[in-house]
C-alpha atoms as a PDB file:
ATOM      1  CA  MET A   1      -8.420  15.569  19.599  1.00  0.00           C
ATOM      2  CA  VAL A   2     -10.958  17.075  17.193  1.00  0.00           C
ATOM      3  CA  ASP A   3      -9.930  20.623  18.099  1.00  0.00           C
ATOM      4  CA  TYR A   4      -6.294  19.682  17.600  1.00  0.00           C
ATOM      5  CA  LEU A   5      -7.010  18.259  14.152  1.00  0.00           C
ATOM      6  CA  ILE A   6      -8.986  21.332  13.118  1.00  0.00           C
ATOM      7  CA  ARG A   7      -6.152  23.637  14.187  1.00  0.00           C
ATOM      8  CA  ARG A   8      -3.584  21.501  12.386  1.00  0.00           C
ATOM      9  CA  VAL A   9      -5.597  21.335   9.164  1.00  0.00           C
ATOM     10  CA  PHE A  10      -6.195  25.087   9.071  1.00  0.00           C
ATOM     11  CA  GLY A  11      -2.535  25.642   9.850  1.00  0.00           C
ATOM     12  CA  LEU A  12      -1.525  23.578   6.813  1.00  0.00           C
ATOM     13  CA  VAL A  13      -3.424  25.801   4.359  1.00  0.00           C
ATOM     14  CA  PRO A  14      -1.087  28.847   4.491  1.00  0.00           C
ATOM     15  CA  VAL A  15       1.925  26.528   4.457  1.00  0.00           C
ATOM     16  CA  PHE A  16       0.668  24.893   1.258  1.00  0.00           C
ATOM     17  CA  PHE A  17       0.099  28.233  -0.459  1.00  0.00           C
ATOM     18  CA  GLY A  18       3.527  29.406   0.654  1.00  0.00           C
ATOM     19  CA  ILE A  19       5.104  26.327  -0.924  1.00  0.00           C
ATOM     20  CA  THR A  20       3.230  26.911  -4.197  1.00  0.00           C
ATOM     21  CA  VAL A  21       4.301  30.566  -4.299  1.00  0.00           C
ATOM     22  CA  VAL A  22       7.981  29.690  -3.864  1.00  0.00           C
ATOM     23  CA  SER A  23       7.754  26.836  -6.395  1.00  0.00           C
ATOM     24  CA  PHE A  24       5.965  29.031  -8.941  1.00  0.00           C
ATOM     25  CA  LEU A  25       8.530  31.811  -8.623  1.00  0.00           C
ATOM     26  CA  VAL A  26      11.517  29.478  -8.896  1.00  0.00           C
ATOM     27  CA  ILE A  27      10.129  27.761 -11.988  1.00  0.00           C
ATOM     28  CA  HIS A  28       9.223  30.960 -13.827  1.00  0.00           C
ATOM     29  CA  LEU A  29      12.396  32.826 -12.885  1.00  0.00           C
ATOM     30  CA  ALA A  30      14.584  30.090 -14.337  1.00  0.00           C
ATOM     31  CA  PRO A  31      16.222  30.932 -17.691  1.00  0.00           C
ATOM     32  CA  GLY A  32      14.224  30.056 -20.790  1.00  0.00           C
ATOM     33  CA  LYS A  33      10.557  29.774 -21.659  1.00  0.00           C
ATOM     34  CA  PRO A  34       8.345  26.912 -22.855  1.00  0.00           C
ATOM     35  CA  THR A  35       8.048  28.636 -26.211  1.00  0.00           C
ATOM     36  CA  ASP A  36      11.828  28.593 -26.742  1.00  0.00           C
ATOM     37  CA  ILE A  37      11.863  24.831 -27.259  1.00  0.00           C
ATOM     38  CA  GLN A  38       9.096  25.035 -29.861  1.00  0.00           C
ATOM     39  CA  THR A  39      10.439  28.046 -31.738  1.00  0.00           C
ATOM     40  CA  SER A  40      14.229  28.231 -31.368  1.00  0.00           C
ATOM     41  CA  LEU A  41      14.903  25.105 -33.431  1.00  0.00           C
ATOM     42  CA  ASN A  42      12.491  26.127 -36.175  1.00  0.00           C
ATOM     43  CA  PRO A  43      13.851  28.988 -38.310  1.00  0.00           C
ATOM     44  CA  LYS A  44      10.494  29.340 -40.083  1.00  0.00           C
ATOM     45  CA  VAL A  45       8.744  30.547 -36.924  1.00  0.00           C
ATOM     46  CA  SER A  46       8.361  34.324 -37.098  1.00  0.00           C
ATOM     47  CA  PHE A  47       8.589  36.744 -34.217  1.00  0.00           C
ATOM     48  CA  GLU A  48       4.854  37.391 -34.426  1.00  0.00           C
ATOM     49  CA  ALA A  49       4.123  33.676 -34.183  1.00  0.00           C
ATOM     50  CA  ARG A  50       6.320  33.462 -31.104  1.00  0.00           C
ATOM     51  CA  LEU A  51       4.415  36.324 -29.473  1.00  0.00           C
ATOM     52  CA  ARG A  52       1.081  34.653 -30.263  1.00  0.00           C
ATOM     53  CA  LEU A  53       2.334  31.438 -28.725  1.00  0.00           C
ATOM     54  CA  GLU A  54       3.436  33.255 -25.566  1.00  0.00           C
ATOM     55  CA  LYS A  55       0.023  34.908 -25.365  1.00  0.00           C
ATOM     56  CA  LEU A  56      -1.641  31.510 -25.759  1.00  0.00           C
ATOM     57  CA  TYR A  57       0.324  30.184 -22.787  1.00  0.00           C
ATOM     58  CA  GLY A  58      -0.265  33.361 -20.775  1.00  0.00           C
ATOM     59  CA  MET A  59       3.445  34.169 -20.713  1.00  0.00           C
ATOM     60  CA  ASP A  60       2.757  37.805 -21.669  1.00  0.00           C
ATOM     61  CA  LYS A  61       1.163  38.546 -18.267  1.00  0.00           C
ATOM     62  CA  PRO A  62       3.007  39.551 -15.072  1.00  0.00           C
ATOM     63  CA  ILE A  63       4.114  36.671 -12.884  1.00  0.00           C
ATOM     64  CA  HIS A  64       1.654  37.498 -10.093  1.00  0.00           C
ATOM     65  CA  ALA A  65      -1.240  37.433 -12.554  1.00  0.00           C
ATOM     66  CA  ARG A  66      -0.087  34.066 -13.871  1.00  0.00           C
ATOM     67  CA  TYR A  67       0.058  32.682 -10.346  1.00  0.00           C
ATOM     68  CA  LEU A  68      -3.436  33.933  -9.496  1.00  0.00           C
ATOM     69  CA  ASN A  69      -4.829  32.371 -12.679  1.00  0.00           C
ATOM     70  CA  TRP A  70      -3.127  29.088 -11.809  1.00  0.00           C
ATOM     71  CA  LEU A  71      -4.398  29.267  -8.227  1.00  0.00           C
ATOM     72  CA  LYS A  72      -7.996  29.776  -9.369  1.00  0.00           C
ATOM     73  CA  ARG A  73      -7.804  26.571 -11.393  1.00  0.00           C
ATOM     74  CA  VAL A  74      -6.116  24.598  -8.630  1.00  0.00           C
ATOM     75  CA  VAL A  75      -8.849  25.500  -6.152  1.00  0.00           C
ATOM     76  CA  CYS A  76     -11.222  23.749  -8.565  1.00  0.00           C
ATOM     77  CA  PHE A  77      -8.784  20.792  -8.809  1.00  0.00           C
ATOM     78  CA  ASP A  78      -7.758  21.771 -12.333  1.00  0.00           C
ATOM     79  CA  PHE A  79      -4.000  21.807 -12.949  1.00  0.00           C
ATOM     80  CA  GLY A  80      -4.384  23.068 -16.503  1.00  0.00           C
ATOM     81  CA  ARG A  81      -3.208  21.501 -19.737  1.00  0.00           C
ATOM     82  CA  SER A  82       0.269  20.359 -20.649  1.00  0.00           C
ATOM     83  CA  TYR A  83       2.349  22.523 -22.986  1.00  0.00           C
ATOM     84  CA  VAL A  84       3.804  19.389 -24.579  1.00  0.00           C
ATOM     85  CA  ASP A  85       0.740  17.495 -25.815  1.00  0.00           C
ATOM     86  CA  ASP A  86      -2.169  19.711 -24.650  1.00  0.00           C
ATOM     87  CA  ARG A  87      -3.484  16.906 -22.440  1.00  0.00           C
ATOM     88  CA  PRO A  88      -4.961  17.662 -18.996  1.00  0.00           C
ATOM     89  CA  VAL A  89      -2.207  17.553 -16.398  1.00  0.00           C
ATOM     90  CA  SER A  90      -4.424  15.606 -14.004  1.00  0.00           C
ATOM     91  CA  ALA A  91      -4.937  12.891 -16.645  1.00  0.00           C
ATOM     92  CA  LYS A  92      -1.185  12.571 -17.208  1.00  0.00           C
ATOM     93  CA  ILE A  93      -0.546  12.303 -13.483  1.00  0.00           C
ATOM     94  CA  ILE A  94      -3.315   9.739 -12.901  1.00  0.00           C
ATOM     95  CA  GLU A  95      -1.912   7.692 -15.784  1.00  0.00           C
ATOM     96  CA  ARG A  96       1.526   7.467 -14.153  1.00  0.00           C
ATOM     97  CA  ILE A  97       0.541   7.041 -10.483  1.00  0.00           C
ATOM     98  CA  PRO A  98      -0.292   3.273 -10.434  1.00  0.00           C
ATOM     99  CA  VAL A  99       3.182   2.183 -11.585  1.00  0.00           C
ATOM    100  CA  THR A 100       4.962   4.490  -9.153  1.00  0.00           C
ATOM    101  CA  LEU A 101       2.711   3.416  -6.289  1.00  0.00           C
ATOM    102  CA  LEU A 102       3.314  -0.250  -7.044  1.00  0.00           C
ATOM    103  CA  ILE A 103       7.093   0.152  -7.006  1.00  0.00           C
ATOM    104  CA  ASN A 104       7.362   2.406  -3.968  1.00  0.00           C
ATOM    105  CA  VAL A 105       4.784   0.613  -1.813  1.00  0.00           C
ATOM    106  CA  SER A 106       6.517  -2.696  -2.553  1.00  0.00           C
ATOM    107  CA  SER A 107       9.898  -1.256  -1.613  1.00  0.00           C
ATOM    108  CA  LEU A 108       8.452   0.299   1.559  1.00  0.00           C
ATOM    109  CA  ILE A 109       7.019  -3.062   2.634  1.00  0.00           C
ATOM    110  CA  ILE A 110      10.430  -4.671   2.110  1.00  0.00           C
ATOM    111  CA  ILE A 111      12.128  -1.895   4.078  1.00  0.00           C
ATOM    112  CA  LEU A 112       9.779  -2.272   7.049  1.00  0.00           C
ATOM    113  CA  ALA A 113       9.682  -6.079   6.977  1.00  0.00           C
ATOM    114  CA  ILE A 114      13.485  -6.401   6.976  1.00  0.00           C
ATOM    115  CA  GLY A 115      14.772  -3.135   8.419  1.00  0.00           C
ATOM    116  CA  ILE A 116      12.830  -3.155  11.705  1.00  0.00           C
ATOM    117  CA  PRO A 117      13.736  -6.735  12.784  1.00  0.00           C
ATOM    118  CA  LEU A 118      17.311  -6.183  11.621  1.00  0.00           C
ATOM    119  CA  GLY A 119      17.609  -3.036  13.726  1.00  0.00           C
ATOM    120  CA  VAL A 120      16.105  -4.725  16.788  1.00  0.00           C
ATOM    121  CA  ILE A 121      18.423  -7.729  16.551  1.00  0.00           C
ATOM    122  CA  SER A 122      21.434  -5.484  15.951  1.00  0.00           C
ATOM    123  CA  ALA A 123      20.580  -3.382  19.030  1.00  0.00           C
ATOM    124  CA  THR A 124      20.053  -6.350  21.325  1.00  0.00           C
ATOM    125  CA  ARG A 125      23.305  -7.950  20.175  1.00  0.00           C
ATOM    126  CA  ARG A 126      25.616  -4.947  20.157  1.00  0.00           C
ATOM    127  CA  GLY A 127      29.190  -5.727  19.245  1.00  0.00           C
ATOM    128  CA  SER A 128      28.313  -9.083  17.694  1.00  0.00           C
ATOM    129  CA  PHE A 129      29.227 -10.148  14.186  1.00  0.00           C
ATOM    130  CA  LEU A 130      25.653  -9.448  13.056  1.00  0.00           C
ATOM    131  CA  ASP A 131      25.764  -5.922  14.476  1.00  0.00           C
ATOM    132  CA  LYS A 132      29.059  -5.179  12.746  1.00  0.00           C
ATOM    133  CA  SER A 133      27.760  -6.667   9.492  1.00  0.00           C
ATOM    134  CA  THR A 134      24.627  -4.504   9.539  1.00  0.00           C
ATOM    135  CA  THR A 135      26.783  -1.435  10.232  1.00  0.00           C
ATOM    136  CA  VAL A 136      28.916  -2.178   7.177  1.00  0.00           C
ATOM    137  CA  PHE A 137      25.757  -2.819   5.154  1.00  0.00           C
ATOM    138  CA  ALA A 138      24.336   0.555   6.268  1.00  0.00           C
ATOM    139  CA  PHE A 139      27.485   2.415   5.210  1.00  0.00           C
ATOM    140  CA  ILE A 140      27.411   0.675   1.831  1.00  0.00           C
ATOM    141  CA  GLY A 141      23.712   1.444   1.410  1.00  0.00           C
ATOM    142  CA  PHE A 142      24.184   5.141   2.179  1.00  0.00           C
ATOM    143  CA  SER A 143      27.243   5.554  -0.036  1.00  0.00           C
ATOM    144  CA  THR A 144      26.197   3.553  -3.110  1.00  0.00           C
ATOM    145  CA  PRO A 145      24.738   5.725  -5.900  1.00  0.00           C
ATOM    146  CA  GLU A 146      21.422   4.394  -7.205  1.00  0.00           C
ATOM    147  CA  PHE A 147      22.334   4.844 -10.862  1.00  0.00           C
ATOM    148  CA  TRP A 148      25.615   2.959 -10.453  1.00  0.00           C
ATOM    149  CA  LEU A 149      23.929   0.081  -8.621  1.00  0.00           C
ATOM    150  CA  ALA A 150      21.175  -0.040 -11.232  1.00  0.00           C
ATOM    151  CA  LEU A 151      23.688  -0.305 -14.071  1.00  0.00           C
ATOM    152  CA  LEU A 152      25.620  -3.045 -12.281  1.00  0.00           C
ATOM    153  CA  LEU A 153      22.513  -5.142 -11.621  1.00  0.00           C
ATOM    154  CA  MET A 154      21.264  -4.625 -15.176  1.00  0.00           C
ATOM    155  CA  SER A 155      24.610  -5.792 -16.531  1.00  0.00           C
ATOM    156  CA  LEU A 156      24.642  -8.879 -14.287  1.00  0.00           C
ATOM    157  CA  PHE A 157      21.047 -10.107 -14.202  1.00  0.00           C
ATOM    158  CA  SER A 158      19.764  -8.813 -17.546  1.00  0.00           C
ATOM    159  CA  ILE A 159      22.721  -8.913 -19.954  1.00  0.00           C
ATOM    160  CA  THR A 160      25.133 -11.509 -18.522  1.00  0.00           C
ATOM    161  CA  LEU A 161      22.712 -13.994 -16.945  1.00  0.00           C
ATOM    162  CA  GLY A 162      19.566 -13.073 -18.885  1.00  0.00           C
ATOM    163  CA  TRP A 163      17.334 -13.772 -15.892  1.00  0.00           C
ATOM    164  CA  LEU A 164      15.453 -10.463 -15.740  1.00  0.00           C
ATOM    165  CA  PRO A 165      14.175  -7.911 -18.304  1.00  0.00           C
ATOM    166  CA  ILE A 166      16.322  -4.873 -18.792  1.00  0.00           C
ATOM    167  CA  SER A 167      13.666  -2.130 -18.995  1.00  0.00           C
ATOM    168  CA  GLY A 168       9.977  -1.277 -18.969  1.00  0.00           C
ATOM    169  CA  ILE A 169       7.229  -2.910 -16.918  1.00  0.00           C
ATOM    170  CA  THR A 170       5.829  -5.358 -19.498  1.00  0.00           C
ATOM    171  CA  SER A 171       7.106  -7.457 -22.393  1.00  0.00           C
ATOM    172  CA  LEU A 172       6.264  -6.800 -26.027  1.00  0.00           C
ATOM    173  CA  ASP A 173       3.926  -9.803 -26.173  1.00  0.00           C
ATOM    174  CA  PHE A 174       2.313  -8.986 -22.830  1.00  0.00           C
ATOM    175  CA  GLU A 175      -1.228  -8.903 -24.233  1.00  0.00           C
ATOM    176  CA  TYR A 176      -1.009 -12.538 -25.337  1.00  0.00           C
ATOM    177  CA  PHE A 177      -0.251 -13.831 -21.825  1.00  0.00           C
ATOM    178  CA  GLY A 178      -2.826 -15.289 -19.467  1.00  0.00           C
ATOM    179  CA  PHE A 179      -3.604 -13.739 -16.083  1.00  0.00           C
ATOM    180  CA  PHE A 180      -0.814 -15.514 -14.199  1.00  0.00           C
ATOM    181  CA  GLY A 181       1.565 -14.980 -17.103  1.00  0.00           C
ATOM    182  CA  LYS A 182       0.899 -11.227 -17.023  1.00  0.00           C
ATOM    183  CA  ALA A 183       1.378 -11.116 -13.261  1.00  0.00           C
ATOM    184  CA  ALA A 184       4.661 -13.024 -13.503  1.00  0.00           C
ATOM    185  CA  ASP A 185       5.850 -10.769 -16.316  1.00  0.00           C
ATOM    186  CA  VAL A 186       5.165  -7.594 -14.312  1.00  0.00           C
ATOM    187  CA  VAL A 187       6.897  -9.079 -11.252  1.00  0.00           C
ATOM    188  CA  LYS A 188       9.996  -9.945 -13.305  1.00  0.00           C
ATOM    189  CA  HIS A 189      10.151  -6.408 -14.671  1.00  0.00           C
ATOM    190  CA  LEU A 190       9.797  -4.839 -11.223  1.00  0.00           C
ATOM    191  CA  ILE A 191      12.309  -6.955  -9.281  1.00  0.00           C
ATOM    192  CA  LEU A 192      15.323  -4.785 -10.081  1.00  0.00           C
ATOM    193  CA  PRO A 193      13.608  -1.374  -9.631  1.00  0.00           C
ATOM    194  CA  VAL A 194      12.029  -2.434  -6.332  1.00  0.00           C
ATOM    195  CA  CYS A 195      15.291  -3.838  -4.972  1.00  0.00           C
ATOM    196  CA  ILE A 196      17.225  -0.713  -5.934  1.00  0.00           C
ATOM    197  CA  SER A 197      14.530   1.521  -4.456  1.00  0.00           C
ATOM    198  CA  ALA A 198      14.584  -0.441  -1.176  1.00  0.00           C
ATOM    199  CA  PHE A 199      18.373  -0.744  -0.846  1.00  0.00           C
ATOM    200  CA  ALA A 200      19.215   2.673   0.606  1.00  0.00           C
ATOM    201  CA  GLY A 201      15.995   2.861   2.605  1.00  0.00           C
ATOM    202  CA  LEU A 202      16.652  -0.537   4.164  1.00  0.00           C
ATOM    203  CA  ALA A 203      20.064   0.582   5.378  1.00  0.00           C
ATOM    204  CA  GLY A 204      18.631   3.754   6.883  1.00  0.00           C
ATOM    205  CA  MET A 205      15.685   2.036   8.563  1.00  0.00           C
ATOM    206  CA  SER A 206      17.912  -0.544  10.255  1.00  0.00           C
ATOM    207  CA  ARG A 207      20.148   2.238  11.626  1.00  0.00           C
ATOM    208  CA  TYR A 208      17.207   4.304  12.900  1.00  0.00           C
ATOM    209  CA  MET A 209      15.673   1.249  14.555  1.00  0.00           C
ATOM    210  CA  ARG A 210      18.963   0.211  16.134  1.00  0.00           C
ATOM    211  CA  ALA A 211      19.626   3.650  17.622  1.00  0.00           C
ATOM    212  CA  SER A 212      16.088   3.968  18.940  1.00  0.00           C
ATOM    213  CA  MET A 213      16.081   0.466  20.442  1.00  0.00           C
ATOM    214  CA  ILE A 214      19.440   1.038  22.181  1.00  0.00           C
ATOM    215  CA  SER A 215      18.066   4.214  23.745  1.00  0.00           C
ATOM    216  CA  VAL A 216      14.917   2.461  24.962  1.00  0.00           C
ATOM    217  CA  ILE A 217      16.516  -0.663  26.449  1.00  0.00           C
ATOM    218  CA  ARG A 218      18.637   1.567  28.695  1.00  0.00           C
ATOM    219  CA  GLN A 219      15.538   3.006  30.376  1.00  0.00           C
ATOM    220  CA  ASP A 220      14.626   2.209  33.973  1.00  0.00           C
ATOM    221  CA  TYR A 221      11.340   0.493  33.162  1.00  0.00           C
ATOM    222  CA  ILE A 222      13.176  -2.033  30.962  1.00  0.00           C
ATOM    223  CA  ARG A 223      15.562  -2.761  33.820  1.00  0.00           C
ATOM    224  CA  THR A 224      12.560  -3.177  36.124  1.00  0.00           C
ATOM    225  CA  ALA A 225      10.856  -5.557  33.694  1.00  0.00           C
ATOM    226  CA  ARG A 226      13.958  -7.722  33.601  1.00  0.00           C
ATOM    227  CA  ALA A 227      14.259  -7.630  37.397  1.00  0.00           C
ATOM    228  CA  LYS A 228      10.681  -8.940  37.675  1.00  0.00           C
ATOM    229  CA  GLY A 229      11.766 -12.060  35.815  1.00  0.00           C
ATOM    230  CA  LEU A 230      10.073 -11.471  32.466  1.00  0.00           C
ATOM    231  CA  LYS A 231      11.350 -13.345  29.450  1.00  0.00           C
ATOM    232  CA  GLU A 232      13.871 -11.421  27.391  1.00  0.00           C
ATOM    233  CA  SER A 233      11.639 -11.778  24.312  1.00  0.00           C
ATOM    234  CA  ASP A 234       8.715 -10.227  26.221  1.00  0.00           C
ATOM    235  CA  VAL A 235      10.909  -7.394  27.467  1.00  0.00           C
ATOM    236  CA  ILE A 236      12.133  -6.591  23.966  1.00  0.00           C
ATOM    237  CA  TYR A 237       9.061  -7.155  21.822  1.00  0.00           C
ATOM    238  CA  LYS A 238       6.253  -6.252  24.237  1.00  0.00           C
ATOM    239  CA  HIS A 239       7.767  -3.379  26.211  1.00  0.00           C
ATOM    240  CA  ALA A 240      10.786  -1.905  24.416  1.00  0.00           C
ATOM    241  CA  LEU A 241       9.662  -2.227  20.791  1.00  0.00           C
ATOM    242  CA  LYS A 242       6.445  -0.257  21.316  1.00  0.00           C
ATOM    243  CA  ASN A 243       8.385   2.854  22.335  1.00  0.00           C
ATOM    244  CA  ALA A 244      11.381   2.269  20.101  1.00  0.00           C
ATOM    245  CA  ILE A 245       9.209   2.189  16.996  1.00  0.00           C
ATOM    246  CA  LEU A 246       7.993   5.773  17.510  1.00  0.00           C
ATOM    247  CA  PRO A 247      10.695   7.314  15.244  1.00  0.00           C
ATOM    248  CA  VAL A 248       9.536   4.962  12.487  1.00  0.00           C
ATOM    249  CA  ILE A 249       6.190   6.788  12.538  1.00  0.00           C
ATOM    250  CA  THR A 250       7.953   9.998  11.561  1.00  0.00           C
ATOM    251  CA  ILE A 251       9.848   8.217   8.795  1.00  0.00           C
ATOM    252  CA  LEU A 252       6.615   6.725   7.445  1.00  0.00           C
ATOM    253  CA  GLY A 253       4.970  10.140   7.466  1.00  0.00           C
ATOM    254  CA  LEU A 254       7.830  11.605   5.465  1.00  0.00           C
ATOM    255  CA  SER A 255       7.738   8.613   3.086  1.00  0.00           C
ATOM    256  CA  ILE A 256       4.215   9.351   1.836  1.00  0.00           C
ATOM    257  CA  PRO A 257       5.301  11.977  -0.752  1.00  0.00           C
ATOM    258  CA  GLY A 258       7.884   9.525  -2.089  1.00  0.00           C
ATOM    259  CA  LEU A 259       5.178   6.942  -2.758  1.00  0.00           C
ATOM    260  CA  ILE A 260       3.738   9.252  -5.419  1.00  0.00           C
ATOM    261  CA  GLY A 261       6.785  11.269  -6.394  1.00  0.00           C
ATOM    262  CA  GLY A 262       8.709   8.219  -7.511  1.00  0.00           C
ATOM    263  CA  SER A 263      12.422   8.224  -8.335  1.00  0.00           C
ATOM    264  CA  VAL A 264      13.765  10.068 -11.330  1.00  0.00           C
ATOM    265  CA  ILE A 265      16.959   7.999 -11.387  1.00  0.00           C
ATOM    266  CA  PHE A 266      15.767   4.408 -11.559  1.00  0.00           C
ATOM    267  CA  GLU A 267      12.604   5.238 -13.526  1.00  0.00           C
ATOM    268  CA  SER A 268      14.734   6.897 -16.195  1.00  0.00           C
ATOM    269  CA  ILE A 269      17.333   4.100 -16.238  1.00  0.00           C
ATOM    270  CA  PHE A 270      14.737   1.333 -16.468  1.00  0.00           C
ATOM    271  CA  ALA A 271      12.443   3.323 -18.810  1.00  0.00           C
ATOM    272  CA  ILE A 272       9.539   3.019 -16.379  1.00  0.00           C
ATOM    273  CA  PRO A 273       6.625   5.377 -17.152  1.00  0.00           C
ATOM    274  CA  GLY A 274       6.202   6.654 -13.596  1.00  0.00           C
ATOM    275  CA  MET A 275       5.832   9.986 -11.833  1.00  0.00           C
ATOM    276  CA  GLY A 276       9.566  10.522 -11.426  1.00  0.00           C
ATOM    277  CA  ARG A 277      10.190  10.172 -15.133  1.00  0.00           C
ATOM    278  CA  LEU A 278       7.198  12.407 -15.928  1.00  0.00           C
ATOM    279  CA  PHE A 279       8.632  15.103 -13.670  1.00  0.00           C
ATOM    280  CA  TYR A 280      12.051  14.862 -15.333  1.00  0.00           C
ATOM    281  CA  GLU A 281      10.561  15.053 -18.835  1.00  0.00           C
ATOM    282  CA  SER A 282       8.401  18.008 -17.810  1.00  0.00           C
ATOM    283  CA  VAL A 283      11.395  19.907 -16.452  1.00  0.00           C
ATOM    284  CA  MET A 284      13.391  19.291 -19.619  1.00  0.00           C
ATOM    285  CA  ALA A 285      10.467  20.500 -21.746  1.00  0.00           C
ATOM    286  CA  ARG A 286       9.698  23.432 -19.402  1.00  0.00           C
ATOM    287  CA  ASP A 287       6.149  22.146 -19.098  1.00  0.00           C
ATOM    288  CA  TYR A 288       5.137  24.518 -16.299  1.00  0.00           C
ATOM    289  CA  PRO A 289       1.585  23.211 -15.675  1.00  0.00           C
ATOM    290  CA  THR A 290       2.781  19.612 -15.283  1.00  0.00           C
ATOM    291  CA  ILE A 291       5.698  20.646 -13.065  1.00  0.00           C
ATOM    292  CA  MET A 292       3.436  22.687 -10.806  1.00  0.00           C
ATOM    293  CA  GLY A 293       0.865  19.903 -10.712  1.00  0.00           C
ATOM    294  CA  ILE A 294       3.434  17.359  -9.512  1.00  0.00           C
ATOM    295  CA  LEU A 295       4.997  19.790  -7.030  1.00  0.00           C
ATOM    296  CA  SER A 296       1.561  20.688  -5.636  1.00  0.00           C
ATOM    297  CA  ILE A 297       0.663  17.045  -5.123  1.00  0.00           C
ATOM    298  CA  GLY A 298       4.031  16.469  -3.462  1.00  0.00           C
ATOM    299  CA  ALA A 299       3.458  19.439  -1.132  1.00  0.00           C
ATOM    300  CA  MET A 300      -0.016  18.214  -0.188  1.00  0.00           C
ATOM    301  CA  LEU A 301       1.275  14.713   0.493  1.00  0.00           C
ATOM    302  CA  THR A 302       4.156  16.060   2.602  1.00  0.00           C
ATOM    303  CA  LEU A 303       1.773  18.059   4.759  1.00  0.00           C
ATOM    304  CA  LEU A 304      -0.626  15.119   4.943  1.00  0.00           C
ATOM    305  CA  GLY A 305       2.216  12.818   5.979  1.00  0.00           C
ATOM    306  CA  ASN A 306       3.198  15.177   8.807  1.00  0.00           C
ATOM    307  CA  LEU A 307      -0.423  15.350   9.948  1.00  0.00           C
ATOM    308  CA  LEU A 308      -0.801  11.561   9.947  1.00  0.00           C
ATOM    309  CA  ALA A 309       2.474  11.227  11.858  1.00  0.00           C
ATOM    310  CA  ASP A 310       1.202  13.643  14.512  1.00  0.00           C
ATOM    311  CA  ILE A 311      -2.041  11.670  14.818  1.00  0.00           C
ATOM    312  CA  ALA A 312      -0.133   8.408  15.116  1.00  0.00           C
ATOM    313  CA  TYR A 313       2.094   9.916  17.805  1.00  0.00           C
ATOM    314  CA  PHE A 314      -1.030  11.093  19.630  1.00  0.00           C
ATOM    315  CA  TYR A 315      -2.243   7.525  19.994  1.00  0.00           C
ATOM    316  CA  ALA A 316       1.118   5.789  20.316  1.00  0.00           C
ATOM    317  CA  ASP A 317       2.682   8.002  22.985  1.00  0.00           C
ATOM    318  CA  PRO A 318       0.416   9.214  25.833  1.00  0.00           C
ATOM    319  CA  ARG A 319       3.120  11.692  26.952  1.00  0.00           C
ATOM    320  CA  ILE A 320       2.526  13.989  24.000  1.00  0.00           C
ATOM    321  CA  ARG A 321      -1.240  13.884  23.803  1.00  0.00           C
ATOM    322  CA  VAL A 322      -2.878  17.257  23.467  1.00  0.00           C
ATOM    323  CA  VAL A 323      -5.696  17.870  25.914  1.00  0.00           C
END
């Protein structure tokens, strides 16, 4: 197991650098420069001032030299400073992570807590009204745009009924609340974003679980367990579920980058200061250091998620263990 982990970790290093090279090239080959936003709308900025600004940002160097300079800083865990406000990129990212983590971890818990049992019940009762209802729900979940659903729920619960706040994560008088008042206020602000974030994922998880469970309960060992007189609940939840849940491990591994990356759509609609909104604002401002910082973290988390999924498979399924 240790040798396998060492090989996997060393194999991830060139993949990570390959991802950063492609990301760096795509960003810098896109039309426009960071200096254009600061100089194009100001007629008083001279050509010499524009050149000095490009030199300050290192834009006067060849693209390979810029990448090597960026790579030297990243090796020391320094993502540089933002072009927008000259703040360290790492500080901006750390400032936004808690909110994004809170929303996405909460939605992931809801997805697992509801999606897995729903998929199991749907698989064991194929053709029933519940199975058909979950199928319709899955199609609706996959086809409903997040922004459209967000606007509908905001109109209903925030404007029409006035039950929930319409944007942000805290109220204006948040600092005057007590501990429980602050907690309740944050919960009220996060109900809509969490529900919208979990909606599509819940539909997908229930479908994955249903398909996997149907495949497992057709196996010979399940038929043997039933022939031995075991209770149906023991057959399903003690024998079938253990193997049927293996695809969920892969989904969880791929979900790790999303826990940090956030969602540009609902964070922008609800004015939530999270990682998704930071990435969108950075792209609009052509803030290359912040964009590369977020993309690098996303790449590392993607590779880490795949590694954790492989480790989980190693322990969950003896058939694929590496000797």
